[in-house]
Protein backbone atom coordinates (compact mmCIF):
# COMPACT_ATOMS: atom_id res chain seq x y z
CA UNK A 1 113.71 108.92 119.50
CA UNK A 2 111.92 105.83 118.22
CA UNK A 3 108.34 105.30 119.27
CA UNK A 4 107.39 102.13 121.11
CA UNK A 5 104.69 99.59 120.31
CA UNK A 6 103.69 96.94 122.83
CA UNK A 7 102.44 93.64 121.40
CA UNK A 8 100.50 91.45 123.81
CA UNK A 9 100.40 87.94 122.38
CA UNK A 10 103.20 86.64 120.17
CA UNK A 11 101.47 84.16 117.91
CA UNK A 12 101.13 84.41 114.13
CA UNK A 13 99.13 87.65 114.27
CA UNK A 14 101.04 89.21 117.15
CA UNK A 15 104.33 88.30 115.49
CA UNK A 16 103.10 89.90 112.27
CA UNK A 17 102.21 93.12 114.11
CA UNK A 18 105.63 93.10 115.79
CA UNK A 19 107.34 92.75 112.40
CA UNK A 20 105.21 95.48 110.80
CA UNK A 21 106.07 98.00 113.54
CA UNK A 22 109.71 96.92 113.90
CA UNK A 23 110.56 97.14 110.19
CA UNK A 24 108.96 100.59 110.06
CA UNK A 25 111.35 101.90 112.68
CA UNK A 26 109.39 101.41 115.92
CA UNK A 27 110.81 99.81 119.02
CA UNK A 28 108.70 96.78 119.93
CA UNK A 29 108.15 95.02 123.24
CA UNK A 30 106.38 91.65 123.10
CA UNK A 31 104.73 89.86 126.00
CA UNK A 32 103.69 86.24 125.67
CA UNK A 33 103.96 83.65 128.46
CA UNK A 34 104.76 80.94 125.91
CA UNK A 35 108.50 80.11 126.32
CA UNK A 36 108.60 79.44 122.57
CA UNK A 37 107.42 82.98 121.76
CA UNK A 38 110.91 84.37 120.93
CA UNK A 39 111.47 81.56 118.44
CA UNK A 40 108.02 81.90 116.87
CA UNK A 41 108.21 85.69 116.59
CA UNK A 42 111.77 85.38 115.27
CA UNK A 43 110.62 83.09 112.46
CA UNK A 44 107.80 85.46 111.49
CA UNK A 45 110.25 88.36 111.60
CA UNK A 46 112.71 86.49 109.35
CA UNK A 47 109.99 86.04 106.75
CA UNK A 48 109.01 89.71 107.08
CA UNK A 49 112.60 90.90 106.63
CA UNK A 50 112.78 88.91 103.40
CA UNK A 51 109.42 90.16 102.11
CA UNK A 52 108.38 93.65 103.24
CA UNK A 53 111.39 95.58 101.84
CA UNK A 54 110.56 94.15 98.40
CA UNK A 55 107.37 96.24 98.35
CA UNK A 56 109.18 99.53 98.89
CA UNK A 57 110.91 101.57 96.20
CA UNK A 58 112.96 103.42 98.79
CA UNK A 59 115.16 102.37 101.67
CA UNK A 60 113.52 100.96 104.75
CA UNK A 61 113.98 102.98 107.94
CA UNK A 62 116.46 101.76 110.52
CA UNK A 63 114.92 98.74 112.20
CA UNK A 64 113.69 99.31 115.75
CA UNK A 65 114.74 97.34 118.80
CA UNK A 66 112.85 94.14 119.66
CA UNK A 67 112.53 93.02 123.28
CA UNK A 68 110.55 90.36 125.12
CA UNK A 69 108.99 91.48 128.37
CA UNK A 70 108.47 89.28 131.40
CA UNK A 71 105.16 90.92 132.31
CA UNK A 72 102.41 92.90 130.63
CA UNK A 73 103.34 95.88 132.81
CA UNK A 74 106.93 95.81 131.56
CA UNK A 75 105.78 95.54 127.94
CA UNK A 76 103.37 98.49 127.99
CA UNK A 77 105.38 100.94 130.10
CA UNK A 78 106.26 103.90 127.89
CA UNK A 79 104.36 102.50 124.89
CA UNK A 80 102.83 104.87 122.36
CA UNK A 81 100.56 102.15 120.96
CA UNK A 82 99.42 98.76 122.26
CA UNK A 83 98.11 95.87 120.16
CA UNK A 84 96.40 92.93 121.87
CA UNK A 85 96.50 89.63 119.97
CA UNK A 86 95.65 87.01 122.60
CA UNK A 87 93.26 84.08 122.14
CA UNK A 88 89.63 84.78 121.20
CA UNK A 89 88.28 84.55 124.76
CA UNK A 90 86.46 87.61 126.00
CA UNK A 91 87.28 86.94 129.67
CA UNK A 92 90.99 86.70 128.81
CA UNK A 93 90.93 89.93 126.85
CA UNK A 94 89.19 91.70 129.74
CA UNK A 95 91.92 90.54 132.14
CA UNK A 96 94.61 91.72 129.73
CA UNK A 97 93.00 95.15 129.32
CA UNK A 98 92.67 95.52 133.10
CA UNK A 99 96.38 94.78 133.58
CA UNK A 100 97.35 97.16 130.80
CA UNK A 101 95.27 100.02 132.15
CA UNK A 102 96.77 99.75 135.61
CA UNK A 103 99.90 101.40 134.16
CA UNK A 104 98.84 102.74 130.72
CA UNK A 105 95.30 104.00 131.14
CA UNK A 106 95.41 106.54 128.30
CA UNK A 107 97.41 104.61 125.68
CA UNK A 108 95.52 103.40 122.56
CA UNK A 109 94.78 99.66 122.76
CA UNK A 110 93.89 97.96 119.50
CA UNK A 111 92.52 94.43 119.56
CA UNK A 112 93.19 91.96 116.76
CA UNK A 113 89.88 90.23 117.49
CA UNK A 114 88.13 88.84 114.45
CA UNK A 115 84.73 88.55 116.10
CA UNK A 116 84.11 90.61 119.23
CA UNK A 117 82.57 94.07 119.03
CA UNK A 118 84.45 96.96 120.66
CA UNK A 119 81.60 97.56 123.11
CA UNK A 120 82.12 93.99 124.35
CA UNK A 121 85.85 94.56 124.71
CA UNK A 122 85.27 97.78 126.63
CA UNK A 123 83.02 96.24 129.31
CA UNK A 124 84.20 97.14 132.85
CA UNK A 125 87.39 98.77 131.51
CA UNK A 126 89.01 101.55 133.53
CA UNK A 127 89.12 103.69 130.39
CA UNK A 128 86.91 102.23 127.64
CA UNK A 129 87.48 105.24 125.35
CA UNK A 130 90.95 104.04 124.29
CA UNK A 131 89.99 100.41 123.50
CA UNK A 132 88.97 99.61 119.92
CA UNK A 133 89.22 96.89 117.28
CA UNK A 134 92.20 96.94 114.90
CA UNK A 135 91.64 93.69 113.01
CA UNK A 136 94.45 92.81 110.54
CA UNK A 137 94.89 90.05 107.98
CA UNK A 138 97.62 87.47 107.78
CA UNK A 139 100.43 88.11 106.94
CA UNK A 140 100.14 91.37 108.87
CA UNK A 141 103.55 92.54 107.65
CA UNK A 142 102.43 92.42 103.98
CA UNK A 143 98.66 92.88 103.74
CA UNK A 144 97.67 96.49 104.38
CA UNK A 145 94.09 96.09 105.58
CA UNK A 146 93.25 96.79 109.23
CA UNK A 147 89.58 97.08 110.14
CA UNK A 148 89.36 99.87 112.72
CA UNK A 149 86.11 99.54 114.68
CA UNK A 150 85.21 102.01 117.43
CA UNK A 151 82.08 102.08 119.58
CA UNK A 152 79.98 104.93 120.88
CA UNK A 153 82.27 105.02 123.92
CA UNK A 154 85.44 105.47 121.82
CA UNK A 155 87.32 108.76 121.67
CA UNK A 156 86.90 109.99 118.05
CA UNK A 157 90.11 112.05 118.15
CA UNK A 158 92.07 109.04 119.40
CA UNK A 159 90.63 106.88 116.60
CA UNK A 160 91.81 109.44 114.02
CA UNK A 161 95.30 109.40 115.54
CA UNK A 162 95.30 105.60 115.46
CA UNK A 163 94.37 105.59 111.79
CA UNK A 164 97.29 107.91 111.07
CA UNK A 165 99.62 105.63 113.05
CA UNK A 166 98.51 102.68 110.93
CA UNK A 167 99.08 104.67 107.74
CA UNK A 168 102.58 105.53 108.95
CA UNK A 169 103.46 101.82 109.09
CA UNK A 170 102.03 101.23 105.61
CA UNK A 171 98.58 99.91 106.49
CA UNK A 172 95.13 100.80 105.17
CA UNK A 173 92.79 101.57 108.09
CA UNK A 174 89.24 100.74 107.05
CA UNK A 175 87.00 102.66 109.44
CA UNK A 176 83.99 100.45 110.19
CA UNK A 177 81.31 102.98 111.10
CA UNK A 178 78.90 100.56 112.78
CA UNK A 179 80.07 97.84 115.14
CA UNK A 180 78.92 94.37 114.24
CA UNK A 181 80.00 90.83 115.10
CA UNK A 182 82.98 89.79 112.92
CA UNK A 183 83.19 93.28 111.38
CA UNK A 184 83.12 93.34 107.55
CA UNK A 185 85.67 91.04 105.91
CA UNK A 186 85.31 88.04 108.19
CA UNK A 187 81.52 88.02 107.81
CA UNK A 188 82.09 87.64 104.10
CA UNK A 189 84.80 85.02 104.57
CA UNK A 190 82.61 83.09 106.99
CA UNK A 191 79.89 82.80 104.35
CA UNK A 192 82.37 81.48 101.78
CA UNK A 193 83.91 79.10 104.34
CA UNK A 194 80.50 77.73 105.31
CA UNK A 195 79.55 77.05 101.71
CA UNK A 196 82.94 75.43 101.08
CA UNK A 197 82.41 73.04 104.01
CA UNK A 198 79.07 71.97 102.56
CA UNK A 199 80.63 71.34 99.14
CA UNK A 200 83.26 69.07 100.70
CA UNK A 201 80.82 67.34 103.07
CA UNK A 202 78.35 66.66 100.25
CA UNK A 203 81.11 65.24 98.05
CA UNK A 204 80.71 67.92 95.39
CA UNK A 205 84.31 69.13 95.54
CA UNK A 206 87.59 68.51 97.35
CA UNK A 207 89.52 71.18 99.25
CA UNK A 208 91.95 71.41 96.32
CA UNK A 209 89.19 71.81 93.74
CA UNK A 210 87.59 74.61 95.75
CA UNK A 211 90.93 76.39 96.09
CA UNK A 212 91.51 76.03 92.34
CA UNK A 213 88.11 77.58 91.64
CA UNK A 214 89.13 80.60 93.72
CA UNK A 215 92.73 81.12 92.63
CA UNK A 216 92.19 80.35 88.95
CA UNK A 217 89.12 82.54 88.60
CA UNK A 218 87.30 85.07 90.71
CA UNK A 219 90.04 85.30 93.35
CA UNK A 220 92.26 87.03 90.80
CA UNK A 221 89.51 89.55 90.06
CA UNK A 222 88.72 90.15 93.71
CA UNK A 223 92.39 90.74 94.51
CA UNK A 224 92.47 93.91 92.45
CA UNK A 225 88.83 94.96 92.04
CA UNK A 226 86.82 93.61 94.95
CA UNK A 227 83.26 92.34 94.66
CA UNK A 228 81.01 95.21 93.61
CA UNK A 229 83.41 96.70 91.09
CA UNK A 230 83.85 93.24 89.55
CA UNK A 231 80.09 92.88 89.17
CA UNK A 232 79.79 96.41 87.80
CA UNK A 233 82.09 95.38 84.96
CA UNK A 234 80.05 92.18 84.53
CA UNK A 235 77.03 94.36 83.83
CA UNK A 236 78.69 95.66 80.69
CA UNK A 237 78.04 99.15 79.42
CA UNK A 238 74.70 99.22 81.23
CA UNK A 239 76.59 98.91 84.53
CA UNK A 240 75.42 97.74 87.93
CA UNK A 241 71.69 98.21 87.35
CA UNK A 242 71.82 95.81 84.42
CA UNK A 243 73.81 93.28 86.43
CA UNK A 244 71.32 93.45 89.31
CA UNK A 245 68.36 93.06 86.95
CA UNK A 246 69.99 90.12 85.21
CA UNK A 247 71.21 88.18 88.24
CA UNK A 248 68.94 89.47 91.00
CA UNK A 249 66.27 86.76 90.57
CA UNK A 250 68.81 84.02 91.29
CA UNK A 251 69.04 85.29 94.85
CA UNK A 252 65.74 83.51 95.44
CA UNK A 253 67.01 80.23 94.05
CA UNK A 254 68.21 77.55 96.53
CA UNK A 255 71.80 77.58 95.29
CA UNK A 256 73.60 78.03 98.58
CA UNK A 257 73.33 76.88 102.18
CA UNK A 258 74.59 80.08 103.76
CA UNK A 259 71.99 80.05 106.53
CA UNK A 260 72.42 76.36 107.22
CA UNK A 261 75.51 75.17 109.11
CA UNK A 262 76.92 71.66 108.56
CA UNK A 263 77.13 69.58 111.72
CA UNK A 264 80.65 69.94 113.11
CA UNK A 265 81.62 66.28 113.62
CA UNK A 266 84.89 64.39 113.92
CA UNK A 267 84.11 62.85 110.53
CA UNK A 268 83.89 66.29 108.90
CA UNK A 269 87.12 67.40 110.56
CA UNK A 270 88.92 64.25 109.41
CA UNK A 271 87.54 64.64 105.88
CA UNK A 272 88.69 68.26 105.56
CA UNK A 273 92.06 67.66 107.26
CA UNK A 274 92.77 64.57 105.14
CA UNK A 275 92.07 66.35 101.88
CA UNK A 276 94.12 69.34 103.00
CA UNK A 277 97.07 67.06 103.85
CA UNK A 278 96.84 65.46 100.41
CA UNK A 279 96.69 68.90 98.81
CA UNK A 280 99.50 70.70 100.67
CA UNK A 281 101.22 68.22 102.98
CA UNK A 282 104.38 68.17 100.85
CA UNK A 283 105.25 71.63 102.17
CA UNK A 284 106.01 72.76 105.69
CA UNK A 285 104.05 75.71 107.06
CA UNK A 286 107.15 77.93 106.80
CA UNK A 287 107.60 76.90 103.16
CA UNK A 288 103.97 77.71 102.43
CA UNK A 289 104.39 81.08 104.15
CA UNK A 290 107.39 81.95 101.98
CA UNK A 291 105.58 80.83 98.81
CA UNK A 292 102.57 82.93 99.86
CA UNK A 293 104.75 85.96 100.60
CA UNK A 294 106.58 85.88 97.27
CA UNK A 295 103.29 85.51 95.38
CA UNK A 296 101.78 88.42 97.31
CA UNK A 297 104.84 90.57 96.57
CA UNK A 298 104.36 89.89 92.86
CA UNK A 299 100.65 90.74 92.95
CA UNK A 300 101.16 93.85 95.08
CA UNK A 301 104.01 95.21 92.97
CA UNK A 302 101.91 94.87 89.82
CA UNK A 303 99.13 96.80 91.56
CA UNK A 304 101.72 99.35 92.70
CA UNK A 305 102.92 99.89 89.14
CA UNK A 306 99.33 100.73 88.21
CA UNK A 307 98.55 102.83 91.32
CA UNK A 308 95.53 100.61 91.95
CA UNK A 309 93.98 98.96 95.00
CA UNK A 310 96.51 97.90 97.63
CA UNK A 311 99.27 99.17 95.32
CA UNK A 312 98.03 102.72 95.83
CA UNK A 313 98.52 102.28 99.58
CA UNK A 314 102.12 101.18 98.95
CA UNK A 315 102.85 104.16 96.71
CA UNK A 316 101.41 106.59 99.24
CA UNK A 317 103.44 104.95 102.01
CA UNK A 318 106.64 105.31 99.96
CA UNK A 319 105.91 108.99 99.29
CA UNK A 320 105.05 109.72 102.93
CA UNK A 321 108.19 108.02 104.21
CA UNK A 322 110.37 109.67 101.58
CA UNK A 323 109.06 113.12 102.49
CA UNK A 324 109.44 112.53 106.21
CA UNK A 325 112.80 110.80 106.30
CA UNK A 326 114.97 112.14 103.51
CA UNK A 327 115.83 115.35 101.71
CA UNK A 328 118.75 116.06 99.34
CA UNK A 329 121.91 116.76 101.31
CA UNK A 330 123.92 119.81 100.27
CA UNK A 331 127.42 119.59 101.72
CA UNK A 332 131.03 120.06 100.75
CA UNK A 333 131.08 117.11 98.37
CA UNK A 334 128.72 115.81 95.68
CA UNK A 335 125.06 116.21 96.57
CA UNK A 336 123.33 113.15 98.01
CA UNK A 337 119.86 113.01 96.48
CA UNK A 338 118.59 109.41 96.61
CA UNK A 339 118.65 106.27 98.72
CA UNK A 340 117.49 102.93 97.36
CA UNK A 341 117.40 99.22 98.17
CA UNK A 342 118.12 96.54 95.56
CA UNK A 343 114.83 94.67 95.11
CA UNK A 344 114.16 91.15 93.78
CA UNK A 345 112.99 92.53 90.43
CA UNK A 346 116.32 94.30 89.97
CA UNK A 347 118.35 91.07 89.88
CA UNK A 348 119.51 89.23 86.75
CA UNK A 349 120.24 85.53 86.30
CA UNK A 350 123.72 86.03 87.77
CA UNK A 351 122.25 87.28 91.04
CA UNK A 352 123.54 90.80 90.41
CA UNK A 353 121.72 94.06 89.83
CA UNK A 354 120.86 94.20 86.13
CA UNK A 355 122.10 96.97 83.80
CA UNK A 356 118.73 98.62 83.34
CA UNK A 357 118.39 99.13 87.08
CA UNK A 358 121.63 101.14 87.23
CA UNK A 359 119.98 103.51 84.76
CA UNK A 360 116.84 103.47 86.91
CA UNK A 361 118.91 104.29 90.01
CA UNK A 362 120.57 107.15 88.13
CA UNK A 363 117.17 108.39 86.99
CA UNK A 364 115.93 108.41 90.59
CA UNK A 365 119.08 110.33 91.57
CA UNK A 366 118.81 112.95 88.83
CA UNK A 367 115.04 113.31 89.25
CA UNK A 368 115.53 114.09 92.93
CA UNK A 369 118.11 116.73 91.97
CA UNK A 370 115.74 118.27 89.44
CA UNK A 371 112.98 118.39 92.03
CA UNK A 372 115.41 120.14 94.38
CA UNK A 373 116.04 122.94 91.89
CA UNK A 374 112.33 123.31 91.12
CA UNK A 375 112.04 121.28 87.90
CA UNK A 376 109.46 118.93 89.41
CA UNK A 377 106.25 117.41 88.04
CA UNK A 378 104.37 120.65 88.60
CA UNK A 379 106.97 122.47 86.53
CA UNK A 380 106.67 119.88 83.75
CA UNK A 381 102.94 120.64 83.79
CA UNK A 382 103.74 124.19 82.66
CA UNK A 383 105.23 122.82 79.42
CA UNK A 384 108.94 122.89 80.26
CA UNK A 385 111.36 120.19 81.37
CA UNK A 386 114.94 118.98 81.38
CA UNK A 387 115.56 116.25 78.79
CA UNK A 388 118.48 113.83 79.00
CA UNK A 389 120.43 114.21 75.77
CA UNK A 390 123.37 111.90 76.47
CA UNK A 391 124.41 109.33 79.09
CA UNK A 392 127.69 107.46 79.58
CA UNK A 393 127.62 104.69 82.20
CA UNK A 394 130.52 102.81 83.73
CA UNK A 395 130.10 99.74 85.95
CA UNK A 396 132.74 99.76 88.67
CA UNK A 397 131.34 97.28 91.20
CA UNK A 398 128.53 94.86 91.95
CA UNK A 399 125.25 95.31 93.76
CA UNK A 400 123.19 92.38 95.01
CA UNK A 401 119.75 91.77 96.49
CA UNK A 402 119.09 93.85 99.59
CA UNK A 403 122.08 96.17 99.16
CA UNK A 404 121.51 99.77 100.25
CA UNK A 405 122.49 102.25 97.55
CA UNK A 406 123.03 106.00 97.64
CA UNK A 407 122.89 108.30 94.61
CA UNK A 408 124.92 111.51 94.45
CA UNK A 409 125.08 114.33 91.90
CA UNK A 410 128.08 116.51 91.08
CA UNK A 411 127.36 119.42 88.76
CA UNK A 412 130.21 119.66 86.24
CA UNK A 413 128.76 122.65 84.37
CA UNK A 414 125.50 124.55 84.05
CA UNK A 415 124.15 127.48 82.08
CA UNK A 416 120.74 128.72 80.98
CA UNK A 417 120.08 125.76 78.68
CA UNK A 418 122.46 122.96 79.66
CA UNK A 419 123.07 120.89 82.76
CA UNK A 420 126.15 118.65 82.81
CA UNK A 421 126.18 116.26 85.80
CA UNK A 422 128.14 113.32 87.13
CA UNK A 423 126.16 110.68 89.06
CA UNK A 424 127.65 108.14 91.42
CA UNK A 425 125.70 105.09 92.63
CA UNK A 426 127.38 104.12 95.90
CA UNK A 427 127.33 101.00 98.04
CA UNK A 428 129.02 101.32 101.42
CA UNK A 429 130.47 104.61 100.23
CA UNK A 430 132.12 103.12 97.13
CA UNK A 431 130.80 103.53 93.57
CA UNK A 432 129.26 100.51 91.87
CA UNK A 433 128.43 102.67 88.83
CA UNK A 434 129.04 106.18 87.57
CA UNK A 435 127.01 108.01 84.94
CA UNK A 436 127.85 111.21 83.11
CA UNK A 437 124.82 113.02 81.71
CA UNK A 438 124.05 116.06 79.62
CA UNK A 439 120.56 117.47 80.09
CA UNK A 440 118.94 120.20 78.02
CA UNK A 441 116.21 122.58 79.14
CA UNK A 442 113.33 122.20 76.65
CA UNK A 443 110.15 123.98 75.69
CA UNK A 444 108.04 120.85 75.15
CA UNK A 445 105.39 122.64 73.10
CA UNK A 446 107.93 123.88 70.55
CA UNK A 447 110.22 120.88 70.82
CA UNK A 448 113.28 123.13 71.17
CA UNK A 449 115.79 124.06 73.82
CA UNK A 450 115.22 127.30 75.69
CA UNK A 451 116.58 129.17 78.69
CA UNK A 452 115.47 127.98 82.10
CA UNK A 453 113.60 130.55 84.21
CA UNK A 454 115.47 132.57 86.78
CA UNK A 455 113.72 130.77 89.66
CA UNK A 456 115.42 127.52 88.65
CA UNK A 457 118.75 129.16 87.82
CA UNK A 458 118.78 130.82 91.23
CA UNK A 459 118.82 127.35 92.80
CA UNK A 460 120.97 125.58 90.19
CA UNK A 461 123.86 128.01 89.62
CA UNK A 462 124.98 128.31 93.27
CA UNK A 463 125.27 124.50 93.41
CA UNK A 464 127.26 124.53 90.17
CA UNK A 465 129.53 127.24 91.61
CA UNK A 466 130.10 125.25 94.81
CA UNK A 467 130.80 122.06 92.86
CA UNK A 468 133.32 123.85 90.63
CA UNK A 469 135.79 123.57 93.51
CA UNK A 470 135.43 119.76 93.66
CA UNK A 471 137.97 117.52 91.93
CA UNK A 472 136.82 116.60 88.45
CA UNK A 473 135.92 112.89 88.31
CA UNK A 474 138.51 110.83 86.46
CA UNK A 475 135.77 109.13 84.46
CA UNK A 476 134.26 112.40 83.23
CA UNK A 477 134.67 112.76 79.48
CA UNK A 478 135.82 109.18 78.93
CA UNK A 479 134.75 107.45 75.74
CA UNK A 480 133.65 103.83 75.55
CA UNK A 481 136.63 101.48 75.63
CA UNK A 482 139.15 104.13 76.64
CA UNK A 483 142.06 102.56 78.49
CA UNK A 484 142.91 103.55 82.03
CA UNK A 485 145.98 105.74 82.30
């Protein structure tokens, strides 16, 4: 049975939370008195459906059910997790928490607040122990960070469960150990924002020039290495101590105005808004969101390929979901070992899945089979492995962006040294490609074939025996260019 998340407030952030939970298989109930909330959440969800699956190298879980509740009580009844994303007014949040806890007094309530401390949120609550800060970053459905901020009144065990819930939906819970106004990230962003306003107000730079300074330079470094690690590298071989010694004195120089706030006047607002319109007014907000999402997907997938930063979170989420949701299926027919989704990077200029990705899909399918019989990465670490000696691929259909694919293995023959398999890559139960492979068991140290150990044969040979009763695939043994009978 799917778990339920209640989202109170259906704006940009609330809609992002709804999409994050929904696309990770949770049922979601949204409450927002705005009659436009279904449309607004629907538009955020459409962007999320186009973006989030592109970060995963496995199939997404079945999408949960989205509903819009008429009252807070209706939304939170039966919820396993509640996320509050209403306007940044403390009195409003207190009223929302009071209504929630009339019917869900023990359910975790995370607040998306960017400024209030949890102790402020908990004031006069019926059960303050379950209220905490879970501050995300836009777009919530793509960016993994969620600042989790408890107070002294919070239940530590509940906070640990909340962090695990956030990991389960692909987020990175950053546990802020000491509550403070604006938490960690927004305090930093506020300092940058304040300095940027001064630069515009004083005529030093336009909004576009400031954005160019960020995205053409240090923003790229920060995106994958943060602040302190970036400066550690800047210190050269001598490291952080050298950097601090070299640049520390400049902290006393009057470079910035971080402690001085520009007067917030209509003239300043008009100046900033006018420059921003000139910079980005050619695009609608939805167009900018889609541009942002596709750029983030590219950055995040590069980090994922390198198991670095936010990419490491994505890899761990894939592995956790794969282990929890799917295992090779041994039945009467060929063995189902892999499920995949066609991603944007798999598509060629014709809009179809490119040839190399059929080989990748087959590799995922055969690797899963090898793991099933015990020839996994730990086994390779002992100095032995199965090597692919020969592959024959046939393309029998087309796969396009977003298609769900299944990989199956039929063992044609197996002995101590050889493994002869037939792989089908299926879409809607029909093959879009078949691959016949011969694999050899190899002693990697000697560079020669050798007999597989009995522990592997005890798992492999019964499958081979069961598959011997299956019809032999018509394509098995075909040579390139052979005519159909």
